[in-house]
Amino acid sequence: MRLLYSFVWGLSLPFAVFRLWWRGRREPGYRQHIAERLGFFPAYQTQATIWVHAVSAGETRAAEPLIRALLDAYPQHHLLLTHMTATGRETGGKLFADVSSRLTQAFLPYDINWMMRRFLRHYSPQLCVLIETEVWPNLIAQCKELQVPVTLVNARLSEKSLNKARRLSALMLPAAHAISAVAAQSNPDADRLRELGISEPQVTGNMKFDVTPPALMAERGIALRRSFGERQVILCASTRDGEEELILAAFQEQFPLLTEKPLLIITPRHPQRFDQVAGMLETRGIAYVRRSTLDHDTVAPIASDVQVLLGDTMGEMYMYYAAADVAFVGGSLVPLGGHNLIEACAMGKAVLTGLHTFNFSEITDQAIAAGAALRVDGARSMLREALALLGDDKKRNDMGQHAYAFFLQHQGATARTMAILAPYLS
């Protein structure tokens, strides 16, 4: 099965490279370092190396506390951080600029045997640390052949992903069996990972709870909030394709009926969709302003007739949460599995989420049970609930306090993960 998988990868390689070039029209980072994706890398000084693979921006941010803990605990080691997306690499460059002398970034090659072999021989890592959901058959097979232990940390596996893996069991089971250690985010994730064939996954929690909200982002959030005047703010964070149209339609229905007009902030999850959402706003005749047109630190007052702020920047999510009164976390109005609520809880905000949260089912259910979040069944009910919270200071503030307490209660995953990795780095 793996031979067939490799053969298909080889046939699709020209199309994969073309896709990089095509995506590079909107995200220039995809047209950079293409040789790395094909297994060719710049010179690297041989040294003890810990390799962490974080596919995109979300996984890179989740890995931050672990990467810093590894650099502190193993000062004799260098850290190699690999990605698959341009936003992941950009995020890593910003997060770890202060430790750039001890950290090298690269794109992971496509999952083709000879490319992975070249990669492993070039960097000679002592340990491979995969973040969240990245299980690549040839990567793991080549690590096994070259005796590089593979660990999967902050691991999560939805029922949908498990069913997909079952259909490819002849390919995925050998890869799962070759993983040396697994640190799962939750008990349901651990149960599904066992069904996949991974023995003895340990539940360590979600490392995103250990991320410290940057003080600079909180300051920028305060400055941004001042620019809104007295208006209250509803944030729709990390929205996905299909959600913005629902939100804007509901917003236009309810906005004319309101005596006090709140400001709506929409931050699309993926940067390639910023212009698309701007087009939706223009088509609907909604007055809006783009965050990218505003000064980063000292923001001038935003005109009172502006209805929507389009968050078209990367790396400022904590700022948007700091500026908001109520936060809806996207990916959950449509069946995409949702996104985690941790950043909103870390900023002490009342949180709303939709019905589709299967990627983060346990943490979402726990946040709702803790009084930190509310579940809504659509865009209209989301806006109605948000408006009700804006009008109920006590309930909104209580939810914010519960959210922050929930955030603090779940910290410690990084230390537990470090204990699992220690035997492979001694």
Protein backbone atom coordinates (compact mmCIF):
# COMPACT_ATOMS: atom_id res chain seq x y z
CA MET A 1 0.00 0.00 0.00
CA ARG A 2 2.83 2.39 0.80
CA LEU A 3 4.44 1.62 -2.57
CA LEU A 4 1.17 2.57 -4.29
CA TYR A 5 0.95 5.71 -2.11
CA SER A 6 4.51 6.67 -3.12
CA PHE A 7 3.76 6.01 -6.79
CA VAL A 8 0.71 8.29 -6.68
CA TRP A 9 2.77 10.97 -4.92
CA GLY A 10 5.38 10.75 -7.67
CA LEU A 11 2.75 11.16 -10.39
CA SER A 12 1.16 14.14 -8.64
CA LEU A 13 4.43 15.96 -7.92
CA PRO A 14 4.29 18.29 -10.98
CA PHE A 15 0.74 19.29 -10.03
CA ALA A 16 1.81 19.90 -6.42
CA VAL A 17 4.58 22.24 -7.56
CA PHE A 18 2.19 24.04 -9.92
CA ARG A 19 -0.25 24.44 -7.02
CA LEU A 20 2.50 26.12 -4.99
CA TRP A 21 3.10 28.58 -7.79
CA TRP A 22 -0.64 29.18 -8.17
CA ARG A 23 -1.16 29.84 -4.45
CA GLY A 24 1.84 32.14 -4.57
CA ARG A 25 -0.24 34.68 -6.51
CA ARG A 26 -1.93 35.67 -3.24
CA GLU A 27 0.60 34.37 -0.73
CA PRO A 28 4.14 35.01 -2.03
CA GLY A 29 5.60 32.72 0.65
CA TYR A 30 4.51 29.71 -1.42
CA ARG A 31 6.92 30.72 -4.18
CA GLN A 32 9.85 30.83 -1.78
CA HIS A 33 12.11 27.93 -0.71
CA ILE A 34 10.49 25.55 -3.22
CA ALA A 35 13.72 23.51 -3.34
CA GLU A 36 13.18 22.57 0.32
CA ARG A 37 9.85 20.97 -0.55
CA LEU A 38 11.75 18.78 -3.03
CA GLY A 39 14.40 17.65 -0.53
CA PHE A 40 17.17 20.19 -1.18
CA PHE A 41 18.31 22.38 1.72
CA PRO A 42 20.91 25.03 2.52
CA ALA A 43 24.06 24.04 4.38
CA TYR A 44 23.52 22.97 7.98
CA GLN A 45 26.18 22.62 10.64
CA THR A 46 26.09 19.15 12.17
CA GLN A 47 24.86 19.39 15.76
CA ALA A 48 22.46 17.76 18.20
CA THR A 49 19.07 18.60 16.69
CA ILE A 50 15.49 18.34 17.93
CA TRP A 51 13.03 18.43 15.05
CA VAL A 52 9.51 19.85 15.58
CA HIS A 53 7.01 19.74 12.72
CA ALA A 54 4.14 22.27 12.92
CA VAL A 55 2.23 22.27 9.67
CA SER A 56 0.57 25.71 9.78
CA ALA A 57 0.10 28.84 11.88
CA GLY A 58 -2.22 27.25 14.44
CA GLU A 59 0.10 24.34 15.16
CA THR A 60 3.09 26.69 15.28
CA ARG A 61 1.44 28.85 17.92
CA ALA A 62 0.43 25.73 19.85
CA ALA A 63 4.05 24.52 19.78
CA GLU A 64 5.49 27.77 21.15
CA PRO A 65 5.55 26.81 24.86
CA LEU A 66 7.02 23.39 24.04
CA ILE A 67 9.72 24.83 21.76
CA ARG A 68 10.77 27.35 24.39
CA ALA A 69 10.78 24.65 27.06
CA LEU A 70 12.97 22.42 24.86
CA LEU A 71 15.43 25.24 24.19
CA ASP A 72 15.65 25.98 27.92
CA ALA A 73 15.97 22.35 29.03
CA TYR A 74 18.48 21.30 26.33
CA PRO A 75 20.86 24.23 25.78
CA GLN A 76 23.29 21.98 23.88
CA HIS A 77 20.67 21.24 21.21
CA HIS A 78 19.59 23.17 18.13
CA LEU A 79 15.93 23.16 17.13
CA LEU A 80 14.68 22.52 13.60
CA LEU A 81 11.14 23.79 13.00
CA THR A 82 9.42 22.65 9.80
CA HIS A 83 6.13 23.69 8.20
CA MET A 84 3.92 22.95 5.22
CA THR A 85 2.24 26.35 4.83
CA ALA A 86 3.63 29.80 4.18
CA THR A 87 1.61 31.25 7.08
CA GLY A 88 3.10 28.65 9.40
CA ARG A 89 6.62 29.64 8.44
CA GLU A 90 5.83 33.35 8.74
CA THR A 91 4.27 32.80 12.16
CA GLY A 92 7.29 30.83 13.34
CA GLY A 93 9.64 33.55 12.15
CA LYS A 94 7.80 36.14 14.22
CA LEU A 95 7.32 34.00 17.33
CA PHE A 96 10.93 32.87 17.57
CA ALA A 97 12.83 35.89 16.30
CA ASP A 98 14.44 36.24 19.73
CA VAL A 99 15.95 32.71 19.58
CA SER A 100 16.80 32.63 15.87
CA SER A 101 20.44 31.71 16.61
CA ARG A 102 19.26 28.39 18.06
CA LEU A 103 16.38 27.67 15.69
CA THR A 104 16.31 26.86 11.98
CA GLN A 105 13.13 26.92 9.89
CA ALA A 106 12.45 24.89 6.75
CA PHE A 107 9.60 23.51 4.70
CA LEU A 108 9.06 19.78 5.09
CA PRO A 109 9.51 17.93 1.79
CA TYR A 110 6.63 16.15 0.13
CA ASP A 111 6.04 12.69 1.58
CA ILE A 112 8.17 10.86 -0.99
CA ASN A 113 10.74 8.35 0.26
CA TRP A 114 13.89 9.75 -1.33
CA MET A 115 12.98 13.33 -0.35
CA MET A 116 12.36 12.37 3.26
CA ARG A 117 15.60 10.37 3.32
CA ARG A 118 17.56 13.36 2.04
CA PHE A 119 15.90 15.58 4.63
CA LEU A 120 16.72 13.24 7.53
CA ARG A 121 20.31 12.69 6.44
CA HIS A 122 20.83 16.43 5.98
CA TYR A 123 19.62 17.46 9.43
CA SER A 124 20.22 14.20 11.37
CA PRO A 125 17.65 14.94 14.09
CA GLN A 126 17.84 13.10 17.39
CA LEU A 127 14.06 13.21 17.78
CA CYS A 128 11.00 13.97 15.63
CA VAL A 129 8.13 15.80 17.36
CA LEU A 130 4.93 15.99 15.29
CA ILE A 131 2.32 18.52 16.41
CA GLU A 132 -1.40 17.65 16.61
CA THR A 133 -2.46 15.60 13.56
CA GLU A 134 0.49 15.16 11.22
CA VAL A 135 1.00 11.47 10.42
CA TRP A 136 2.84 10.93 7.12
CA PRO A 137 3.53 7.27 6.17
CA ASN A 138 6.85 7.74 4.35
CA LEU A 139 8.13 10.27 6.88
CA ILE A 140 7.55 7.80 9.70
CA ALA A 141 8.91 4.86 7.70
CA GLN A 142 12.15 6.72 6.91
CA CYS A 143 12.50 7.82 10.55
CA LYS A 144 12.14 4.19 11.61
CA GLU A 145 14.75 3.06 9.08
CA LEU A 146 17.23 5.71 10.23
CA GLN A 147 16.39 5.11 13.93
CA VAL A 148 14.91 8.55 14.61
CA PRO A 149 12.18 8.21 17.30
CA VAL A 150 8.86 9.76 16.27
CA THR A 151 6.55 11.34 18.84
CA LEU A 152 3.11 12.87 18.32
CA VAL A 153 2.24 15.61 20.83
CA ASN A 154 -0.76 17.84 21.48
CA ALA A 155 -2.42 15.11 19.45
CA ARG A 156 -6.04 15.28 18.42
CA LEU A 157 -8.10 13.01 16.19
CA SER A 158 -11.72 13.67 15.30
CA GLU A 159 -14.23 10.92 14.53
CA LYS A 160 -14.23 12.10 10.92
CA SER A 161 -10.44 11.78 10.65
CA LEU A 162 -10.55 8.37 12.33
CA ASN A 163 -13.08 7.11 9.80
CA LYS A 164 -10.88 8.36 6.97
CA ALA A 165 -7.86 6.62 8.52
CA ARG A 166 -9.83 3.38 8.81
CA ARG A 167 -10.51 3.43 5.07
CA LEU A 168 -6.74 3.69 4.56
CA SER A 169 -5.84 1.28 7.34
CA ALA A 170 -3.30 -0.67 5.25
CA LEU A 171 -1.38 2.60 4.90
CA MET A 172 -2.01 4.25 8.25
CA LEU A 173 -1.73 1.33 10.69
CA PRO A 174 1.98 0.65 10.05
CA ALA A 175 2.67 4.38 10.49
CA ALA A 176 0.69 4.48 13.75
CA HIS A 177 2.49 1.42 15.12
CA ALA A 178 5.88 3.03 14.40
CA ILE A 179 5.22 6.10 16.58
CA SER A 180 7.21 5.84 19.80
CA ALA A 181 5.08 8.02 22.10
CA VAL A 182 1.85 10.00 21.89
CA ALA A 183 0.62 12.86 24.10
CA ALA A 184 -3.11 13.41 23.46
CA GLN A 185 -5.12 16.56 24.14
CA SER A 186 -8.12 14.79 25.66
CA ASN A 187 -9.58 11.43 26.65
CA PRO A 188 -11.76 11.16 23.52
CA ASP A 189 -8.69 11.91 21.37
CA ALA A 190 -6.74 9.20 23.20
CA ASP A 191 -9.57 6.69 22.68
CA ARG A 192 -9.69 7.39 18.95
CA LEU A 193 -5.90 7.19 18.68
CA ARG A 194 -6.04 3.73 20.29
CA GLU A 195 -8.59 2.69 17.67
CA LEU A 196 -6.15 3.90 15.02
CA GLY A 197 -3.56 1.48 16.38
CA ILE A 198 -1.45 3.67 18.65
CA SER A 199 -0.65 1.89 21.89
CA GLU A 200 -0.76 3.67 25.25
CA PRO A 201 -1.37 7.32 24.30
CA GLN A 202 -1.04 9.54 27.37
CA VAL A 203 -3.48 12.39 28.00
CA THR A 204 -1.48 15.55 28.70
CA GLY A 205 -3.96 18.30 27.78
CA ASN A 206 -3.70 21.10 25.23
CA MET A 207 -0.45 23.07 25.17
CA LYS A 208 -2.27 26.14 23.87
CA PHE A 209 -3.38 26.72 27.47
CA ASP A 210 0.31 27.34 28.27
CA VAL A 211 0.71 30.11 25.70
CA THR A 212 1.10 33.49 27.40
CA PRO A 213 -0.97 36.21 25.68
CA PRO A 214 1.55 38.81 24.44
CA ALA A 215 1.43 42.05 26.43
CA LEU A 216 1.96 44.02 23.21
CA MET A 217 -1.22 42.56 21.71
CA ALA A 218 -3.21 43.52 24.81
CA GLU A 219 -1.87 47.08 24.52
CA ARG A 220 -2.76 47.22 20.83
CA GLY A 221 -6.21 45.91 21.66
CA ILE A 222 -6.75 48.75 24.12
CA ALA A 223 -5.57 51.29 21.53
CA LEU A 224 -7.80 49.75 18.88
CA ARG A 225 -10.78 49.79 21.24
CA ARG A 226 -10.30 53.52 21.88
CA SER A 227 -10.69 54.15 18.16
CA PHE A 228 -14.25 52.76 18.31
CA GLY A 229 -15.44 55.41 20.75
CA GLU A 230 -18.31 54.26 22.97
CA ARG A 231 -19.47 51.44 20.70
CA GLN A 232 -19.58 47.88 21.96
CA VAL A 233 -17.82 45.21 19.91
CA ILE A 234 -18.77 41.75 18.65
CA LEU A 235 -15.84 39.70 17.32
CA CYS A 236 -16.32 36.86 14.83
CA ALA A 237 -12.92 35.16 15.00
CA SER A 238 -11.33 32.65 12.62
CA THR A 239 -14.31 32.53 10.29
CA ARG A 240 -14.30 30.04 7.44
CA ASP A 241 -15.69 29.89 3.92
CA GLY A 242 -19.49 29.88 4.04
CA GLU A 243 -19.74 31.57 7.45
CA GLU A 244 -19.18 35.22 6.57
CA GLU A 245 -22.17 35.30 4.21
CA LEU A 246 -24.40 33.87 6.96
CA ILE A 247 -23.06 36.33 9.54
CA LEU A 248 -23.37 39.38 7.28
CA ALA A 249 -26.91 38.45 6.22
CA ALA A 250 -27.96 38.14 9.88
CA PHE A 251 -26.12 41.36 10.73
CA GLN A 252 -27.93 43.32 8.02
CA GLU A 253 -31.28 41.97 9.25
CA GLN A 254 -30.71 43.01 12.84
CA PHE A 255 -28.49 46.11 12.58
CA PRO A 256 -31.23 48.58 11.43
CA LEU A 257 -33.40 47.56 14.41
CA LEU A 258 -30.79 48.48 17.01
CA THR A 259 -30.78 51.74 18.91
CA GLU A 260 -27.16 51.28 20.01
CA LYS A 261 -25.10 50.22 17.00
CA PRO A 262 -22.27 47.80 17.89
CA LEU A 263 -19.19 47.35 15.75
CA LEU A 264 -18.66 43.94 14.15
CA ILE A 265 -15.11 42.63 13.72
CA ILE A 266 -14.61 39.74 11.28
CA THR A 267 -11.23 37.98 11.11
CA PRO A 268 -11.13 35.27 8.40
CA ARG A 269 -9.05 32.25 9.35
CA HIS A 270 -7.01 32.17 6.14
CA PRO A 271 -5.26 35.23 4.65
CA GLN A 272 -6.04 34.25 1.06
CA ARG A 273 -9.71 35.00 1.86
CA PHE A 274 -9.22 38.58 3.11
CA ASP A 275 -10.00 40.09 -0.29
CA GLN A 276 -12.92 37.70 -0.80
CA VAL A 277 -14.59 38.84 2.43
CA ALA A 278 -13.90 42.48 1.53
CA GLY A 279 -15.75 41.81 -1.73
CA MET A 280 -18.73 40.44 0.21
CA LEU A 281 -18.87 43.61 2.31
CA GLU A 282 -18.73 45.82 -0.78
CA THR A 283 -21.39 43.81 -2.60
CA ARG A 284 -23.72 44.14 0.38
CA GLY A 285 -23.03 47.87 0.72
CA ILE A 286 -21.74 47.52 4.28
CA ALA A 287 -19.44 50.33 5.43
CA TYR A 288 -16.19 48.77 6.55
CA VAL A 289 -12.53 49.46 7.16
CA ARG A 290 -9.57 47.08 6.87
CA ARG A 291 -7.27 46.67 9.85
CA SER A 292 -4.25 46.73 7.50
CA THR A 293 -5.01 50.37 6.65
CA LEU A 294 -4.79 51.47 10.30
CA ASP A 295 -1.70 52.40 12.29
CA HIS A 296 -0.51 49.44 14.36
CA ASP A 297 -0.12 51.23 17.69
CA THR A 298 -1.84 54.62 17.67
CA VAL A 299 -5.16 54.13 15.92
CA ALA A 300 -7.13 57.21 14.82
CA PRO A 301 -10.88 57.28 15.55
CA ILE A 302 -12.92 55.14 13.20
CA ALA A 303 -15.89 56.91 11.61
CA SER A 304 -19.19 56.25 13.37
CA ASP A 305 -20.84 55.06 10.15
CA VAL A 306 -18.35 52.16 9.81
CA GLN A 307 -20.22 48.96 10.63
CA VAL A 308 -17.50 46.33 10.21
CA LEU A 309 -13.77 46.14 10.86
CA LEU A 310 -12.18 43.50 8.62
CA GLY A 311 -9.28 41.89 10.47
CA ASP A 312 -6.98 41.31 7.52
CA THR A 313 -3.74 40.88 9.47
CA MET A 314 -1.87 37.86 10.83
CA GLY A 315 -0.54 37.38 14.35
CA GLU A 316 -2.94 39.85 15.99
CA MET A 317 -5.72 37.57 17.21
CA TYR A 318 -5.06 38.37 20.88
CA MET A 319 -5.41 42.06 19.97
CA TYR A 320 -8.85 41.46 18.44
CA TYR A 321 -9.97 39.52 21.52
CA ALA A 322 -8.67 42.30 23.79
CA ALA A 323 -10.71 44.86 21.84
CA ALA A 324 -13.96 42.84 21.91
CA ASP A 325 -16.82 42.52 24.39
CA VAL A 326 -18.14 39.20 23.07
CA ALA A 327 -16.32 36.66 20.86
CA PHE A 328 -17.74 34.08 18.48
CA VAL A 329 -15.21 31.42 17.43
CA GLY A 330 -15.65 30.38 13.81
CA GLY A 331 -15.46 27.17 11.84
CA SER A 332 -18.48 26.06 13.85
CA LEU A 333 -21.49 27.44 11.92
CA VAL A 334 -20.68 25.09 9.04
CA PRO A 335 -19.54 21.45 9.42
CA LEU A 336 -15.79 22.14 9.57
CA GLY A 337 -15.18 21.10 13.17
CA GLY A 338 -14.64 24.50 14.77
CA HIS A 339 -11.55 26.05 16.32
CA ASN A 340 -10.38 26.08 19.90
CA LEU A 341 -11.73 28.60 22.41
CA ILE A 342 -8.49 28.98 24.33
CA GLU A 343 -7.34 32.39 23.08
CA ALA A 344 -10.74 33.91 23.83
CA CYS A 345 -10.72 32.36 27.32
CA ALA A 346 -7.15 33.56 27.92
CA MET A 347 -8.36 37.12 27.32
CA GLY A 348 -11.32 36.66 29.66
CA LYS A 349 -14.07 37.04 27.06
CA ALA A 350 -17.59 35.64 26.92
CA VAL A 351 -17.45 33.03 24.15
CA LEU A 352 -20.02 31.82 21.61
CA THR A 353 -19.62 28.78 19.39
CA GLY A 354 -21.74 26.97 16.82
CA LEU A 355 -22.96 23.39 16.65
CA HIS A 356 -20.06 21.97 14.62
CA THR A 357 -17.17 21.59 17.08
CA PHE A 358 -16.15 17.97 16.51
CA ASN A 359 -12.45 18.87 16.23
CA PHE A 360 -12.51 20.24 19.78
CA SER A 361 -15.52 18.46 21.26
CA GLU A 362 -14.26 17.84 24.80
CA ILE A 363 -12.70 21.25 25.40
CA THR A 364 -15.81 23.00 24.00
CA ASP A 365 -18.15 20.94 26.16
CA GLN A 366 -15.99 21.63 29.22
CA ALA A 367 -15.98 25.39 28.52
CA ILE A 368 -19.78 25.39 28.21
CA ALA A 369 -20.12 23.39 31.45
CA ALA A 370 -17.79 25.87 33.18
CA GLY A 371 -20.02 28.80 32.22
CA ALA A 372 -17.35 30.24 29.93
CA ALA A 373 -19.14 29.63 26.61
CA LEU A 374 -22.56 29.29 25.02
CA ARG A 375 -23.53 27.17 22.02
CA VAL A 376 -25.72 28.66 19.27
CA ASP A 377 -27.47 26.95 16.36
CA GLY A 378 -26.80 29.46 13.58
CA ALA A 379 -25.69 32.95 12.59
CA ARG A 380 -28.98 34.60 13.59
CA SER A 381 -29.02 33.03 17.04
CA MET A 382 -25.31 33.85 17.43
CA LEU A 383 -25.98 37.55 16.83
CA ARG A 384 -29.06 37.52 19.03
CA GLU A 385 -27.10 35.94 21.88
CA ALA A 386 -24.18 38.34 21.36
CA LEU A 387 -26.53 41.34 21.47
CA ALA A 388 -28.21 39.97 24.60
CA LEU A 389 -24.80 39.69 26.29
CA LEU A 390 -23.94 43.24 25.29
CA GLY A 391 -27.06 44.33 27.12
CA ASP A 392 -26.38 42.23 30.24
CA ASP A 393 -23.16 43.45 31.84
CA LYS A 394 -23.34 41.02 34.77
CA LYS A 395 -23.81 37.89 32.67
CA ARG A 396 -21.14 38.97 30.19
CA ASN A 397 -18.61 39.77 32.93
CA ASP A 398 -19.39 36.53 34.78
CA MET A 399 -18.80 34.53 31.61
CA GLY A 400 -15.51 36.36 31.06
CA GLN A 401 -14.35 35.53 34.59
CA HIS A 402 -15.35 31.88 34.16
CA ALA A 403 -13.48 31.82 30.83
CA TYR A 404 -10.26 33.07 32.38
CA ALA A 405 -10.57 30.64 35.30
CA PHE A 406 -11.11 27.82 32.77
CA PHE A 407 -7.94 28.90 30.96
CA LEU A 408 -5.86 28.84 34.15
CA GLN A 409 -7.32 25.51 35.30
CA HIS A 410 -6.13 23.66 32.19
CA GLN A 411 -2.51 24.79 32.13
CA GLY A 412 0.39 22.35 32.55
CA ALA A 413 0.28 20.32 29.32
CA THR A 414 3.76 21.47 28.29
CA ALA A 415 5.42 20.13 31.46
CA ARG A 416 3.63 16.79 31.06
CA THR A 417 4.70 16.61 27.41
CA MET A 418 8.31 17.40 28.31
CA ALA A 419 8.33 14.44 30.70
CA ILE A 420 7.26 12.16 27.83
CA LEU A 421 9.99 13.48 25.51
CA ALA A 422 12.80 13.39 28.10
CA PRO A 423 13.81 9.71 27.64
CA TYR A 424 14.48 10.34 23.95
CA LEU A 425 16.78 13.29 24.62
CA SER A 426 18.85 11.99 27.53
